[in-house]
């Protein structure tokens, strides 16, 4: 048997080339899974605050009651503002899928603008409550109210800051895969805040004035 026959019969080593798309998909899936875990932990934190309010929400004795301080009309407007910001963020996601960089940035800035309006309206509500003496030290009801609504407001502020950082990254690097992944995570976070606020609006404000 010749040397050539031996080489033909001998099994050649097989080298596997890593698929870049598969590697990116695995990385994206890992990031999204980690972010889902974060959202679940955040959901548990909010659940604790909701339970606290459920226990202490009626603890105001003969003092200031929810119906005395809640301006349901103003709260309804701020609710529509936040819900509309969720819609504008969805437009940003659709624009990013079509690689429309400038339009994506426009919708992101619109979302942040609506978020700022929401936070300012919440700050105005808190200022009014402090002005009339309805501060967290006044009753257990007000303590739990400020804690729950304030926690949500802090999350919205963080989301607004995240949007600004993401806009800078898109301006600098464009709609690359990393920025698209960040857009997805921020989308999950922003819609999560909307869902939490719907619960706050229903459980705290509506039940408070009924």
C-alpha atoms as a PDB file:
ATOM      1  CA  UNK A   1       0.000   0.000   0.000  1.00  0.00           C
ATOM      2  CA  UNK A   2       1.397   3.331  -1.031  1.00  0.00           C
ATOM      3  CA  UNK A   3       1.739   6.374   1.158  1.00  0.00           C
ATOM      4  CA  UNK A   4      -1.005   8.118  -0.811  1.00  0.00           C
ATOM      5  CA  UNK A   5      -3.454   5.278  -0.093  1.00  0.00           C
ATOM      6  CA  UNK A   6      -2.667   5.482   3.613  1.00  0.00           C
ATOM      7  CA  UNK A   7      -3.351   9.233   3.607  1.00  0.00           C
ATOM      8  CA  UNK A   8      -6.634   8.728   1.782  1.00  0.00           C
ATOM      9  CA  UNK A   9      -7.838   6.105   4.245  1.00  0.00           C
ATOM     10  CA  UNK A  10      -6.743   8.078   7.259  1.00  0.00           C
ATOM     11  CA  UNK A  11      -9.453  10.221   8.779  1.00  0.00           C
ATOM     12  CA  UNK A  12      -8.672  13.887   8.506  1.00  0.00           C
ATOM     13  CA  UNK A  13      -9.253  16.075  11.583  1.00  0.00           C
ATOM     14  CA  UNK A  14     -12.397  18.151  11.490  1.00  0.00           C
ATOM     15  CA  UNK A  15     -12.175  21.740  12.644  1.00  0.00           C
ATOM     16  CA  UNK A  16     -15.317  23.492  13.820  1.00  0.00           C
ATOM     17  CA  UNK A  17     -15.562  27.196  13.110  1.00  0.00           C
ATOM     18  CA  UNK A  18     -17.621  29.105  15.619  1.00  0.00           C
ATOM     19  CA  UNK A  19     -20.657  30.752  14.075  1.00  0.00           C
ATOM     20  CA  UNK A  20     -20.527  34.471  14.894  1.00  0.00           C
ATOM     21  CA  UNK A  21     -24.301  34.831  14.610  1.00  0.00           C
ATOM     22  CA  UNK A  22     -24.788  31.934  16.995  1.00  0.00           C
ATOM     23  CA  UNK A  23     -22.302  33.444  19.438  1.00  0.00           C
ATOM     24  CA  UNK A  24     -24.125  36.788  19.337  1.00  0.00           C
ATOM     25  CA  UNK A  25     -27.474  35.063  19.795  1.00  0.00           C
ATOM     26  CA  UNK A  26     -26.173  33.199  22.848  1.00  0.00           C
ATOM     27  CA  UNK A  27     -24.777  36.432  24.284  1.00  0.00           C
ATOM     28  CA  UNK A  28     -28.066  38.245  23.676  1.00  0.00           C
ATOM     29  CA  UNK A  29     -30.092  35.420  25.206  1.00  0.00           C
ATOM     30  CA  UNK A  30     -27.837  35.466  28.265  1.00  0.00           C
ATOM     31  CA  UNK A  31     -28.226  39.223  28.653  1.00  0.00           C
ATOM     32  CA  UNK A  32     -32.011  39.080  28.305  1.00  0.00           C
ATOM     33  CA  UNK A  33     -32.243  36.200  30.773  1.00  0.00           C
ATOM     34  CA  UNK A  34     -30.189  38.148  33.286  1.00  0.00           C
ATOM     35  CA  UNK A  35     -32.365  41.199  32.797  1.00  0.00           C
ATOM     36  CA  UNK A  36     -35.528  39.147  33.243  1.00  0.00           C
ATOM     37  CA  UNK A  37     -34.122  37.912  36.550  1.00  0.00           C
ATOM     38  CA  UNK A  38     -33.475  41.523  37.566  1.00  0.00           C
ATOM     39  CA  UNK A  39     -37.059  42.504  36.665  1.00  0.00           C
ATOM     40  CA  UNK A  40     -38.421  39.622  38.714  1.00  0.00           C
ATOM     41  CA  UNK A  41     -36.376  40.728  41.728  1.00  0.00           C
ATOM     42  CA  UNK A  42     -37.567  44.302  41.197  1.00  0.00           C
ATOM     43  CA  UNK A  43     -41.128  43.020  41.007  1.00  0.00           C
ATOM     44  CA  UNK A  44     -40.678  41.376  44.405  1.00  0.00           C
ATOM     45  CA  UNK A  45     -39.462  44.681  45.854  1.00  0.00           C
ATOM     46  CA  UNK A  46     -42.543  46.473  44.552  1.00  0.00           C
ATOM     47  CA  UNK A  47     -44.717  43.644  45.869  1.00  0.00           C
ATOM     48  CA  UNK A  48     -43.335  44.259  49.366  1.00  0.00           C
ATOM     49  CA  UNK A  49     -44.183  47.962  49.090  1.00  0.00           C
ATOM     50  CA  UNK A  50     -47.684  47.163  47.803  1.00  0.00           C
ATOM     51  CA  UNK A  51     -48.273  44.800  50.721  1.00  0.00           C
ATOM     52  CA  UNK A  52     -46.993  47.457  53.121  1.00  0.00           C
ATOM     53  CA  UNK A  53     -49.425  49.978  51.675  1.00  0.00           C
ATOM     54  CA  UNK A  54     -52.257  47.437  51.855  1.00  0.00           C
ATOM     55  CA  UNK A  55     -51.566  46.993  55.569  1.00  0.00           C
ATOM     56  CA  UNK A  56     -50.967  50.658  56.428  1.00  0.00           C
ATOM     57  CA  UNK A  57     -53.081  52.426  53.811  1.00  0.00           C
ATOM     58  CA  UNK A  58     -56.030  52.831  56.157  1.00  0.00           C
ATOM     59  CA  UNK A  59     -53.940  53.879  59.154  1.00  0.00           C
ATOM     60  CA  UNK A  60     -54.716  57.574  59.254  1.00  0.00           C
ATOM     61  CA  UNK A  61     -57.133  57.654  62.231  1.00  0.00           C
ATOM     62  CA  UNK A  62     -58.931  61.007  62.138  1.00  0.00           C
ATOM     63  CA  UNK A  63     -56.160  62.665  60.157  1.00  0.00           C
ATOM     64  CA  UNK A  64     -55.636  63.185  56.436  1.00  0.00           C
ATOM     65  CA  UNK A  65     -57.371  60.500  54.368  1.00  0.00           C
ATOM     66  CA  UNK A  66     -56.601  59.552  50.739  1.00  0.00           C
ATOM     67  CA  UNK A  67     -59.749  61.240  49.476  1.00  0.00           C
ATOM     68  CA  UNK A  68     -58.567  64.492  51.079  1.00  0.00           C
ATOM     69  CA  UNK A  69     -55.260  64.701  49.197  1.00  0.00           C
ATOM     70  CA  UNK A  70     -55.595  62.788  45.922  1.00  0.00           C
ATOM     71  CA  UNK A  71     -56.271  64.931  42.849  1.00  0.00           C
ATOM     72  CA  UNK A  72     -57.541  62.150  40.623  1.00  0.00           C
ATOM     73  CA  UNK A  73     -57.793  64.410  37.565  1.00  0.00           C
ATOM     74  CA  UNK A  74     -54.115  65.349  37.684  1.00  0.00           C
ATOM     75  CA  UNK A  75     -53.110  61.751  38.378  1.00  0.00           C
ATOM     76  CA  UNK A  76     -55.169  60.591  35.407  1.00  0.00           C
ATOM     77  CA  UNK A  77     -53.305  63.020  33.132  1.00  0.00           C
ATOM     78  CA  UNK A  78     -49.912  61.839  34.381  1.00  0.00           C
ATOM     79  CA  UNK A  79     -51.044  58.250  33.839  1.00  0.00           C
ATOM     80  CA  UNK A  80     -51.914  58.954  30.209  1.00  0.00           C
ATOM     81  CA  UNK A  81     -48.542  60.693  29.780  1.00  0.00           C
ATOM     82  CA  UNK A  82     -46.639  57.652  31.030  1.00  0.00           C
ATOM     83  CA  UNK A  83     -48.738  55.216  28.993  1.00  0.00           C
ATOM     84  CA  UNK A  84     -48.209  57.328  25.870  1.00  0.00           C
ATOM     85  CA  UNK A  85     -44.455  57.230  26.514  1.00  0.00           C
ATOM     86  CA  UNK A  86     -44.693  53.455  26.272  1.00  0.00           C
ATOM     87  CA  UNK A  87     -46.207  53.879  22.812  1.00  0.00           C
ATOM     88  CA  UNK A  88     -43.460  56.259  21.685  1.00  0.00           C
ATOM     89  CA  UNK A  89     -40.829  53.795  22.892  1.00  0.00           C
ATOM     90  CA  UNK A  90     -42.501  51.114  20.788  1.00  0.00           C
ATOM     91  CA  UNK A  91     -42.101  53.432  17.794  1.00  0.00           C
ATOM     92  CA  UNK A  92     -38.402  53.723  18.669  1.00  0.00           C
ATOM     93  CA  UNK A  93     -38.092  49.937  18.644  1.00  0.00           C
ATOM     94  CA  UNK A  94     -39.806  49.691  15.256  1.00  0.00           C
ATOM     95  CA  UNK A  95     -37.498  52.372  13.850  1.00  0.00           C
ATOM     96  CA  UNK A  96     -34.419  50.563  15.152  1.00  0.00           C
ATOM     97  CA  UNK A  97     -35.532  47.358  13.421  1.00  0.00           C
ATOM     98  CA  UNK A  98     -35.516  49.277  10.128  1.00  0.00           C
ATOM     99  CA  UNK A  99     -32.136  50.848  11.017  1.00  0.00           C
ATOM    100  CA  UNK A 100     -33.578  54.371  11.005  1.00  0.00           C
ATOM    101  CA  UNK A 101     -31.019  55.900  13.332  1.00  0.00           C
ATOM    102  CA  UNK A 102     -32.283  59.489  13.475  1.00  0.00           C
ATOM    103  CA  UNK A 103     -35.935  58.484  13.806  1.00  0.00           C
ATOM    104  CA  UNK A 104     -35.032  56.044  16.577  1.00  0.00           C
ATOM    105  CA  UNK A 105     -33.264  58.831  18.456  1.00  0.00           C
ATOM    106  CA  UNK A 106     -36.239  61.142  17.919  1.00  0.00           C
ATOM    107  CA  UNK A 107     -38.660  58.652  19.464  1.00  0.00           C
ATOM    108  CA  UNK A 108     -36.280  57.941  22.349  1.00  0.00           C
ATOM    109  CA  UNK A 109     -36.014  61.652  23.134  1.00  0.00           C
ATOM    110  CA  UNK A 110     -39.807  61.948  22.892  1.00  0.00           C
ATOM    111  CA  UNK A 111     -40.122  59.112  25.391  1.00  0.00           C
ATOM    112  CA  UNK A 112     -37.682  60.782  27.766  1.00  0.00           C
ATOM    113  CA  UNK A 113     -39.544  64.090  27.420  1.00  0.00           C
ATOM    114  CA  UNK A 114     -42.820  62.419  28.411  1.00  0.00           C
ATOM    115  CA  UNK A 115     -41.039  60.706  31.286  1.00  0.00           C
ATOM    116  CA  UNK A 116     -39.757  64.070  32.510  1.00  0.00           C
ATOM    117  CA  UNK A 117     -43.292  65.490  32.373  1.00  0.00           C
ATOM    118  CA  UNK A 118     -44.521  62.548  34.453  1.00  0.00           C
ATOM    119  CA  UNK A 119     -41.784  63.035  37.055  1.00  0.00           C
ATOM    120  CA  UNK A 120     -42.454  66.783  37.252  1.00  0.00           C
ATOM    121  CA  UNK A 121     -46.165  66.140  37.810  1.00  0.00           C
ATOM    122  CA  UNK A 122     -45.298  63.676  40.554  1.00  0.00           C
ATOM    123  CA  UNK A 123     -42.906  66.193  42.119  1.00  0.00           C
ATOM    124  CA  UNK A 124     -45.675  68.801  41.987  1.00  0.00           C
ATOM    125  CA  UNK A 125     -48.015  66.415  43.789  1.00  0.00           C
ATOM    126  CA  UNK A 126     -45.432  65.713  46.495  1.00  0.00           C
ATOM    127  CA  UNK A 127     -44.731  69.435  46.921  1.00  0.00           C
ATOM    128  CA  UNK A 128     -48.442  70.132  47.368  1.00  0.00           C
ATOM    129  CA  UNK A 129     -48.751  67.385  49.965  1.00  0.00           C
ATOM    130  CA  UNK A 130     -45.814  68.741  51.947  1.00  0.00           C
ATOM    131  CA  UNK A 131     -47.248  72.244  51.681  1.00  0.00           C
ATOM    132  CA  UNK A 132     -50.505  71.203  53.343  1.00  0.00           C
ATOM    133  CA  UNK A 133     -48.658  69.224  55.998  1.00  0.00           C
ATOM    134  CA  UNK A 134     -49.283  65.768  54.531  1.00  0.00           C
ATOM    135  CA  UNK A 135     -45.720  64.503  54.947  1.00  0.00           C
ATOM    136  CA  UNK A 136     -44.482  60.947  55.614  1.00  0.00           C
ATOM    137  CA  UNK A 137     -44.231  61.635  59.357  1.00  0.00           C
ATOM    138  CA  UNK A 138     -47.921  62.529  59.580  1.00  0.00           C
ATOM    139  CA  UNK A 139     -49.329  58.990  59.407  1.00  0.00           C
ATOM    140  CA  UNK A 140     -48.563  55.408  58.432  1.00  0.00           C
ATOM    141  CA  UNK A 141     -50.768  55.864  55.371  1.00  0.00           C
ATOM    142  CA  UNK A 142     -48.670  58.768  54.083  1.00  0.00           C
ATOM    143  CA  UNK A 143     -45.405  56.983  54.904  1.00  0.00           C
ATOM    144  CA  UNK A 144     -46.367  53.943  52.851  1.00  0.00           C
ATOM    145  CA  UNK A 145     -47.784  56.162  50.088  1.00  0.00           C
ATOM    146  CA  UNK A 146     -44.618  58.228  49.698  1.00  0.00           C
ATOM    147  CA  UNK A 147     -42.478  55.082  49.822  1.00  0.00           C
ATOM    148  CA  UNK A 148     -44.399  53.267  47.078  1.00  0.00           C
ATOM    149  CA  UNK A 149     -44.975  56.184  44.704  1.00  0.00           C
ATOM    150  CA  UNK A 150     -41.494  57.566  45.362  1.00  0.00           C
ATOM    151  CA  UNK A 151     -39.892  54.208  44.566  1.00  0.00           C
ATOM    152  CA  UNK A 152     -41.647  54.153  41.209  1.00  0.00           C
ATOM    153  CA  UNK A 153     -40.600  57.747  40.532  1.00  0.00           C
ATOM    154  CA  UNK A 154     -36.951  56.897  41.212  1.00  0.00           C
ATOM    155  CA  UNK A 155     -37.195  54.057  38.696  1.00  0.00           C
ATOM    156  CA  UNK A 156     -38.635  56.429  36.084  1.00  0.00           C
ATOM    157  CA  UNK A 157     -35.758  58.864  36.695  1.00  0.00           C
ATOM    158  CA  UNK A 158     -33.284  56.027  36.208  1.00  0.00           C
ATOM    159  CA  UNK A 159     -35.072  55.043  32.986  1.00  0.00           C
ATOM    160  CA  UNK A 160     -34.815  58.616  31.679  1.00  0.00           C
ATOM    161  CA  UNK A 161     -31.086  58.683  32.439  1.00  0.00           C
ATOM    162  CA  UNK A 162     -30.702  55.323  30.690  1.00  0.00           C
ATOM    163  CA  UNK A 163     -32.437  56.715  27.596  1.00  0.00           C
ATOM    164  CA  UNK A 164     -30.028  59.670  27.438  1.00  0.00           C
ATOM    165  CA  UNK A 165     -27.020  57.352  27.770  1.00  0.00           C
ATOM    166  CA  UNK A 166     -28.401  55.099  25.045  1.00  0.00           C
ATOM    167  CA  UNK A 167     -29.003  58.068  22.731  1.00  0.00           C
ATOM    168  CA  UNK A 168     -25.344  59.055  23.118  1.00  0.00           C
ATOM    169  CA  UNK A 169     -24.257  55.487  22.345  1.00  0.00           C
ATOM    170  CA  UNK A 170     -26.438  55.360  19.229  1.00  0.00           C
ATOM    171  CA  UNK A 171     -25.118  58.735  18.055  1.00  0.00           C
ATOM    172  CA  UNK A 172     -21.556  57.495  18.483  1.00  0.00           C
ATOM    173  CA  UNK A 173     -21.773  53.891  17.289  1.00  0.00           C
ATOM    174  CA  UNK A 174     -25.072  53.652  15.415  1.00  0.00           C
ATOM    175  CA  UNK A 175     -27.605  50.837  15.654  1.00  0.00           C
ATOM    176  CA  UNK A 176     -25.055  48.096  16.220  1.00  0.00           C
ATOM    177  CA  UNK A 177     -25.979  44.764  17.784  1.00  0.00           C
ATOM    178  CA  UNK A 178     -24.935  45.862  21.278  1.00  0.00           C
ATOM    179  CA  UNK A 179     -27.136  48.953  21.124  1.00  0.00           C
ATOM    180  CA  UNK A 180     -30.048  46.908  19.805  1.00  0.00           C
ATOM    181  CA  UNK A 181     -29.669  44.603  22.779  1.00  0.00           C
ATOM    182  CA  UNK A 182     -29.666  47.608  25.110  1.00  0.00           C
ATOM    183  CA  UNK A 183     -32.793  48.918  23.393  1.00  0.00           C
ATOM    184  CA  UNK A 184     -34.543  45.625  24.090  1.00  0.00           C
ATOM    185  CA  UNK A 185     -33.545  45.656  27.769  1.00  0.00           C
ATOM    186  CA  UNK A 186     -34.638  49.265  28.183  1.00  0.00           C
ATOM    187  CA  UNK A 187     -37.922  48.450  26.451  1.00  0.00           C
ATOM    188  CA  UNK A 188     -38.575  45.691  28.971  1.00  0.00           C
ATOM    189  CA  UNK A 189     -37.726  48.062  31.835  1.00  0.00           C
ATOM    190  CA  UNK A 190     -39.892  50.938  30.563  1.00  0.00           C
ATOM    191  CA  UNK A 191     -42.944  48.763  29.912  1.00  0.00           C
ATOM    192  CA  UNK A 192     -42.435  47.179  33.330  1.00  0.00           C
ATOM    193  CA  UNK A 193     -42.658  50.637  34.915  1.00  0.00           C
ATOM    194  CA  UNK A 194     -45.891  51.282  33.028  1.00  0.00           C
ATOM    195  CA  UNK A 195     -47.399  48.075  34.377  1.00  0.00           C
ATOM    196  CA  UNK A 196     -46.321  48.957  37.908  1.00  0.00           C
ATOM    197  CA  UNK A 197     -47.864  52.416  37.567  1.00  0.00           C
ATOM    198  CA  UNK A 198     -51.172  50.951  36.390  1.00  0.00           C
ATOM    199  CA  UNK A 199     -51.174  48.917  39.609  1.00  0.00           C
ATOM    200  CA  UNK A 200     -50.306  52.031  41.651  1.00  0.00           C
ATOM    201  CA  UNK A 201     -53.012  54.077  39.949  1.00  0.00           C
ATOM    202  CA  UNK A 202     -55.648  51.391  40.475  1.00  0.00           C
ATOM    203  CA  UNK A 203     -54.682  50.189  43.944  1.00  0.00           C
ATOM    204  CA  UNK A 204     -53.610  53.467  45.551  1.00  0.00           C
ATOM    205  CA  UNK A 205     -55.428  56.311  43.830  1.00  0.00           C
ATOM    206  CA  UNK A 206     -58.691  54.797  42.563  1.00  0.00           C
ATOM    207  CA  UNK A 207     -59.323  52.739  45.689  1.00  0.00           C
ATOM    208  CA  UNK A 208     -58.331  55.753  47.766  1.00  0.00           C
ATOM    209  CA  UNK A 209     -61.066  58.002  46.409  1.00  0.00           C
ATOM    210  CA  UNK A 210     -63.814  55.402  46.133  1.00  0.00           C
END
